[in-house]
């Protein structure tokens, strides 16, 4: 994370916490790919793979918890990033003092705590949980995101007329980052909105029906969003692309150095052990030669006697 600390054209201090939120969002997408998607496949096939009712129920609740947690964390991270972009553009000189790295980490911790709380409430089997989750995990944060970007584009429009091309490079960098996040949010809405429409319809109308194939398609659209985000980040914005490259290089370098250190440690151990064995064998050989020369002398002494 520290290697990706200055990727979006920050004010003069060079502190820009946005990459922490981006990395957190990408980490959530990885969790979706590693946990939510495989267990969704198992849930789809549980009638044949898991014939025991209790095991099926436990498996479903585990998947449901992971799915809700990842979805909520994903949109809340996007909300945090949109607030970050708004502050960077609206208050560029106060921005480094307002959003320090420590405060950003606290915000991210609150995002994960919020997501965990929403997911844990699912285990209570609350009757109105679907409507509550749709509001708390999607519509409320999405409304905040819309407000943040409305403020951003209003301020940008005013600043363009006021200062013209002065300070245009730094401002252009901020706008590129904002546009990238806006595309990410647009993809999020397209992929998630159909699913939450079904959730709200099912929660508010008991007679609401839909083909299971449609539900499964919307669910896979939701998971598709986790695959789109890294592509959007790396393709649309050069600074994000550099940040991910730095992160990858750092991880690769640490693994390479670790492997080389482990390899050198093994080589040193084998070398030392080989030297010890060689020394031991040479000592035995030397002792054997002494014993061999000592025996004839004893025989000679006995014959003389």
Protein backbone atom coordinates (compact mmCIF):
# COMPACT_ATOMS: atom_id res chain seq x y z
CA UNK A 1 0.00 0.00 0.00
CA UNK A 2 2.75 2.47 0.88
CA UNK A 3 4.27 2.05 -2.60
CA UNK A 4 0.98 3.19 -4.15
CA UNK A 5 0.67 6.24 -1.91
CA UNK A 6 0.99 9.07 -4.45
CA UNK A 7 -0.86 8.01 -7.58
CA UNK A 8 -3.54 10.60 -8.25
CA UNK A 9 -1.85 13.97 -8.55
CA UNK A 10 -2.25 15.06 -4.95
CA UNK A 11 -1.69 18.55 -3.54
CA UNK A 12 1.86 19.67 -2.65
CA UNK A 13 2.30 17.41 0.38
CA UNK A 14 2.16 14.35 -1.84
CA UNK A 15 -0.13 12.49 0.55
CA UNK A 16 -3.03 10.85 -1.20
CA UNK A 17 -4.96 8.14 0.67
CA UNK A 18 -7.08 7.15 -2.33
CA UNK A 19 -4.93 4.09 -3.23
CA UNK A 20 -5.66 2.58 0.19
CA UNK A 21 -9.37 2.58 -0.65
CA UNK A 22 -8.66 1.25 -4.15
CA UNK A 23 -6.55 -1.60 -2.79
CA UNK A 24 -9.25 -2.38 -0.22
CA UNK A 25 -11.86 -2.52 -3.00
CA UNK A 26 -9.67 -4.82 -5.08
CA UNK A 27 -9.12 -7.04 -2.04
CA UNK A 28 -12.90 -7.35 -1.64
CA UNK A 29 -13.16 -8.33 -5.32
CA UNK A 30 -10.57 -11.05 -4.69
CA UNK A 31 -12.65 -12.33 -1.76
CA UNK A 32 -15.67 -12.51 -4.06
CA UNK A 33 -13.72 -14.59 -6.56
CA UNK A 34 -12.21 -16.89 -3.93
CA UNK A 35 -15.19 -17.39 -1.59
CA UNK A 36 -18.53 -16.03 -2.76
CA UNK A 37 -18.48 -17.32 -6.34
CA UNK A 38 -17.31 -20.90 -5.60
CA UNK A 39 -19.82 -21.28 -2.77
CA UNK A 40 -22.56 -19.88 -4.99
CA UNK A 41 -21.84 -22.71 -7.41
CA UNK A 42 -22.04 -25.21 -4.54
CA UNK A 43 -25.32 -23.70 -3.38
CA UNK A 44 -26.70 -24.06 -6.91
CA UNK A 45 -25.75 -27.73 -6.94
CA UNK A 46 -26.50 -28.56 -3.30
CA UNK A 47 -29.53 -30.70 -4.08
CA UNK A 48 -27.25 -33.36 -5.52
CA UNK A 49 -23.99 -32.68 -3.69
CA UNK A 50 -25.31 -32.09 -0.17
CA UNK A 51 -28.26 -34.36 0.70
CA UNK A 52 -28.17 -33.51 4.43
CA UNK A 53 -30.59 -30.67 5.32
CA UNK A 54 -28.53 -29.23 8.18
CA UNK A 55 -25.38 -29.13 6.07
CA UNK A 56 -27.27 -27.47 3.22
CA UNK A 57 -28.68 -24.84 5.57
CA UNK A 58 -25.29 -24.12 7.13
CA UNK A 59 -23.65 -23.90 3.73
CA UNK A 60 -26.31 -21.50 2.48
CA UNK A 61 -25.98 -19.20 5.50
CA UNK A 62 -22.19 -19.17 5.17
CA UNK A 63 -22.41 -18.22 1.50
CA UNK A 64 -25.09 -15.63 2.28
CA UNK A 65 -22.87 -14.02 4.92
CA UNK A 66 -19.83 -13.86 2.62
CA UNK A 67 -21.93 -12.60 -0.29
CA UNK A 68 -23.60 -9.80 1.67
CA UNK A 69 -20.34 -8.82 3.37
CA UNK A 70 -18.41 -8.57 0.10
CA UNK A 71 -21.19 -6.70 -1.70
CA UNK A 72 -21.62 -4.19 1.11
CA UNK A 73 -17.87 -3.68 1.51
CA UNK A 74 -17.50 -3.15 -2.23
CA UNK A 75 -20.03 -0.34 -2.53
CA UNK A 76 -18.96 1.23 0.78
CA UNK A 77 -15.37 1.36 -0.48
CA UNK A 78 -16.60 3.09 -3.62
CA UNK A 79 -18.52 5.51 -1.42
CA UNK A 80 -15.36 6.25 0.57
CA UNK A 81 -13.42 6.86 -2.64
CA UNK A 82 -16.10 9.24 -3.96
CA UNK A 83 -15.96 11.25 -0.72
CA UNK A 84 -12.17 11.30 -1.01
CA UNK A 85 -12.36 12.64 -4.59
CA UNK A 86 -14.89 15.28 -3.59
CA UNK A 87 -12.62 16.59 -0.82
CA UNK A 88 -9.56 16.52 -3.10
CA UNK A 89 -11.30 18.64 -5.74
CA UNK A 90 -13.44 20.93 -3.58
CA UNK A 91 -10.81 21.62 -0.87
CA UNK A 92 -7.44 20.86 -2.51
CA UNK A 93 -5.32 22.83 -0.02
CA UNK A 94 -7.03 21.54 3.13
CA UNK A 95 -7.32 18.00 1.74
CA UNK A 96 -3.96 16.66 3.07
CA UNK A 97 -4.83 17.82 6.59
CA UNK A 98 -8.40 16.53 6.46
CA UNK A 99 -7.69 13.05 5.12
CA UNK A 100 -4.46 11.86 6.62
CA UNK A 101 -3.39 8.26 6.14
CA UNK A 102 -4.38 7.46 9.73
CA UNK A 103 -7.89 8.81 9.21
CA UNK A 104 -8.27 6.90 5.95
CA UNK A 105 -7.32 3.65 7.69
CA UNK A 106 -9.90 4.40 10.39
CA UNK A 107 -12.54 4.99 7.70
CA UNK A 108 -11.66 1.70 6.01
CA UNK A 109 -11.92 -0.11 9.35
CA UNK A 110 -15.38 1.41 9.86
CA UNK A 111 -16.35 0.28 6.35
CA UNK A 112 -15.41 -3.31 7.19
CA UNK A 113 -17.19 -3.11 10.55
CA UNK A 114 -20.32 -1.75 8.87
CA UNK A 115 -20.22 -4.52 6.25
CA UNK A 116 -19.72 -7.19 8.90
CA UNK A 117 -22.68 -5.87 10.91
CA UNK A 118 -25.00 -5.90 7.88
CA UNK A 119 -23.91 -9.45 7.03
CA UNK A 120 -24.30 -10.70 10.62
CA UNK A 121 -27.88 -9.44 10.78
CA UNK A 122 -28.66 -11.91 7.99
CA UNK A 123 -28.04 -14.77 10.39
CA UNK A 124 -30.90 -13.55 12.61
CA UNK A 125 -33.36 -14.64 9.89
CA UNK A 126 -35.15 -11.29 10.13
CA UNK A 127 -38.32 -11.18 8.02
CA UNK A 128 -37.75 -7.66 6.66
CA UNK A 129 -34.01 -8.15 6.26
CA UNK A 130 -34.10 -8.10 2.45
CA UNK A 131 -35.57 -4.61 2.32
CA UNK A 132 -33.23 -3.40 5.05
CA UNK A 133 -30.15 -4.84 3.31
CA UNK A 134 -31.14 -3.33 -0.04
CA UNK A 135 -31.41 0.10 1.57
CA UNK A 136 -28.32 -0.14 3.82
CA UNK A 137 -26.03 -1.94 1.35
CA UNK A 138 -27.04 -0.35 -1.95
CA UNK A 139 -29.48 2.54 -2.15
CA UNK A 140 -28.15 4.60 0.79
CA UNK A 141 -24.45 4.49 -0.20
CA UNK A 142 -25.39 4.91 -3.86
CA UNK A 143 -27.29 8.08 -2.96
CA UNK A 144 -24.20 9.39 -1.16
CA UNK A 145 -22.07 8.64 -4.22
CA UNK A 146 -24.49 10.51 -6.50
CA UNK A 147 -24.40 13.52 -4.16
CA UNK A 148 -20.58 13.49 -4.05
CA UNK A 149 -20.22 13.42 -7.82
CA UNK A 150 -22.87 16.06 -8.30
CA UNK A 151 -20.83 18.33 -6.04
CA UNK A 152 -17.63 17.40 -7.91
CA UNK A 153 -18.93 18.31 -11.35
CA UNK A 154 -20.57 21.53 -10.12
CA UNK A 155 -17.31 22.66 -8.52
CA UNK A 156 -15.29 21.66 -11.58
CA UNK A 157 -17.58 23.63 -13.86
CA UNK A 158 -17.24 26.71 -11.65
CA UNK A 159 -13.45 26.37 -11.42
CA UNK A 160 -13.04 25.98 -15.16
CA UNK A 161 -14.82 29.28 -15.77
CA UNK A 162 -12.96 31.01 -12.93
CA UNK A 163 -9.32 29.98 -13.41
CA UNK A 164 -9.31 28.81 -17.03
CA UNK A 165 -6.13 26.88 -17.82
CA UNK A 166 -4.23 27.98 -14.69
CA UNK A 167 -3.25 24.96 -12.64
CA UNK A 168 -4.78 22.81 -15.33
CA UNK A 169 -2.40 19.85 -15.06
CA UNK A 170 -3.05 19.12 -11.40
CA UNK A 171 -6.76 19.68 -11.85
CA UNK A 172 -6.79 17.41 -14.91
CA UNK A 173 -5.14 14.64 -12.89
CA UNK A 174 -7.82 14.91 -10.22
CA UNK A 175 -10.54 14.82 -12.86
CA UNK A 176 -9.05 11.74 -14.51
CA UNK A 177 -9.12 9.93 -11.18
CA UNK A 178 -12.70 11.11 -10.57
CA UNK A 179 -13.82 9.94 -14.02
CA UNK A 180 -12.25 6.53 -13.43
CA UNK A 181 -14.15 6.10 -10.17
CA UNK A 182 -17.32 7.34 -11.88
CA UNK A 183 -17.01 4.61 -14.54
CA UNK A 184 -16.44 2.04 -11.78
CA UNK A 185 -19.59 3.23 -10.03
CA UNK A 186 -21.54 3.15 -13.31
CA UNK A 187 -20.49 -0.45 -13.88
CA UNK A 188 -21.46 -1.22 -10.30
CA UNK A 189 -24.97 0.19 -10.78
CA UNK A 190 -25.50 -1.68 -14.05
CA UNK A 191 -24.35 -4.98 -12.52
CA UNK A 192 -26.07 -4.68 -9.14
CA UNK A 193 -29.29 -2.72 -9.69
CA UNK A 194 -31.26 -5.57 -11.38
CA UNK A 195 -30.50 -7.89 -8.47
CA UNK A 196 -31.63 -5.37 -5.85
CA UNK A 197 -34.79 -4.65 -7.82
CA UNK A 198 -35.67 -8.33 -7.37
CA UNK A 199 -34.74 -8.17 -3.67
CA UNK A 200 -36.99 -5.14 -3.08
CA UNK A 201 -39.82 -6.60 -5.14
CA UNK A 202 -39.68 -9.87 -3.24
CA UNK A 203 -39.56 -8.07 0.13
CA UNK A 204 -42.48 -5.72 -0.57
CA UNK A 205 -44.83 -7.97 -2.52
CA UNK A 206 -45.49 -11.56 -1.54
CA UNK A 207 -46.98 -12.24 -4.97
CA UNK A 208 -43.87 -10.98 -6.74
CA UNK A 209 -42.62 -13.76 -9.03
CA UNK A 210 -39.68 -14.10 -11.37
CA UNK A 211 -38.05 -16.96 -13.29
CA UNK A 212 -35.17 -18.56 -11.45
CA UNK A 213 -33.07 -18.24 -14.60
CA UNK A 214 -33.47 -14.45 -14.42
CA UNK A 215 -32.41 -14.42 -10.77
CA UNK A 216 -29.33 -16.51 -11.56
CA UNK A 217 -28.43 -14.23 -14.47
CA UNK A 218 -28.67 -11.12 -12.27
CA UNK A 219 -26.59 -12.86 -9.62
CA UNK A 220 -23.83 -13.60 -12.12
CA UNK A 221 -24.02 -9.97 -13.28
CA UNK A 222 -23.33 -8.99 -9.68
CA UNK A 223 -20.25 -11.22 -9.60
CA UNK A 224 -19.14 -9.93 -13.01
CA UNK A 225 -18.67 -6.54 -11.41
CA UNK A 226 -15.78 -7.90 -9.34
CA UNK A 227 -14.01 -8.86 -12.56
CA UNK A 228 -14.62 -5.49 -14.21
CA UNK A 229 -13.22 -3.22 -11.48
CA UNK A 230 -9.50 -4.11 -11.80
CA UNK A 231 -9.77 -3.84 -15.60
CA UNK A 232 -11.34 -0.38 -15.36
CA UNK A 233 -8.78 0.83 -12.84
CA UNK A 234 -5.78 -0.29 -14.87
CA UNK A 235 -7.06 0.59 -18.35
CA UNK A 236 -8.62 4.01 -17.80
CA UNK A 237 -6.12 5.75 -15.57
CA UNK A 238 -2.36 5.72 -15.98
CA UNK A 239 -1.67 6.66 -12.36
CA UNK A 240 -3.72 3.73 -11.08
CA UNK A 241 -1.95 1.49 -13.58
CA UNK A 242 1.42 2.62 -12.22
CA UNK A 243 0.26 2.04 -8.66
CA UNK A 244 -0.84 -1.53 -9.38
CA UNK A 245 2.43 -2.11 -11.21
CA UNK A 246 4.36 -0.91 -8.17
CA UNK A 247 2.31 -3.11 -5.89
CA UNK A 248 2.86 -6.12 -8.14
CA UNK A 249 6.59 -5.44 -8.41
CA UNK A 250 6.88 -5.07 -4.67
CA UNK A 251 5.05 -8.33 -3.96
CA UNK A 252 7.05 -10.12 -6.66
CA UNK A 253 10.31 -8.68 -5.32
CA UNK A 254 9.50 -9.73 -1.76
CA UNK A 255 8.68 -13.25 -2.92
CA UNK A 256 11.85 -13.42 -5.03
CA UNK A 257 14.03 -12.14 -2.21
CA UNK A 258 12.35 -14.51 0.24
CA UNK A 259 12.88 -17.49 -2.06
CA UNK A 260 16.50 -16.53 -2.69
CA UNK A 261 17.10 -16.13 1.04
CA UNK A 262 15.51 -19.49 1.73
CA UNK A 263 17.55 -21.02 -1.09
CA UNK A 264 20.78 -19.49 0.19
CA UNK A 265 19.97 -20.67 3.72
CA UNK A 266 19.44 -24.21 2.47
CA UNK A 267 22.66 -24.05 0.45
CA UNK A 268 24.61 -22.78 3.46
CA UNK A 269 23.08 -25.50 5.64
CA UNK A 270 23.97 -28.23 3.13
CA UNK A 271 27.43 -26.78 2.67
CA UNK A 272 28.07 -26.68 6.41
CA UNK A 273 26.65 -30.17 6.86
CA UNK A 274 28.79 -31.45 4.00
CA UNK A 275 31.88 -29.86 5.54
CA UNK A 276 31.06 -31.41 8.91
CA UNK A 277 30.61 -34.85 7.34
CA UNK A 278 33.86 -34.51 5.39
CA UNK A 279 35.70 -33.45 8.55
CA UNK A 280 34.23 -36.38 10.47
CA UNK A 281 35.22 -38.86 7.75
CA UNK A 282 38.75 -37.47 7.53
CA UNK A 283 39.11 -37.75 11.31
CA UNK A 284 37.97 -41.36 11.23
CA UNK A 285 40.35 -42.09 8.39
CA UNK A 286 43.20 -40.48 10.30
CA UNK A 287 42.38 -42.46 13.46
CA UNK A 288 42.19 -45.68 11.43
CA UNK A 289 45.63 -45.09 9.97
CA UNK A 290 47.07 -44.49 13.45
CA UNK A 291 45.50 -47.70 14.73
CA UNK A 292 46.79 -49.62 11.71
CA UNK A 293 50.37 -48.50 12.32
CA UNK A 294 50.10 -49.12 16.05
CA UNK A 295 49.08 -52.81 15.74
CA UNK A 296 52.25 -54.06 13.95
CA UNK A 297 54.42 -52.35 16.53
CA UNK A 298 52.63 -54.24 19.29
CA UNK A 299 53.18 -57.51 17.44
CA UNK A 300 56.84 -56.74 17.05
CA UNK A 301 57.18 -56.07 20.73
CA UNK A 302 55.49 -59.34 21.60
CA UNK A 303 57.77 -61.34 19.23
CA UNK A 304 60.83 -59.77 20.74
CA UNK A 305 59.65 -60.68 24.18
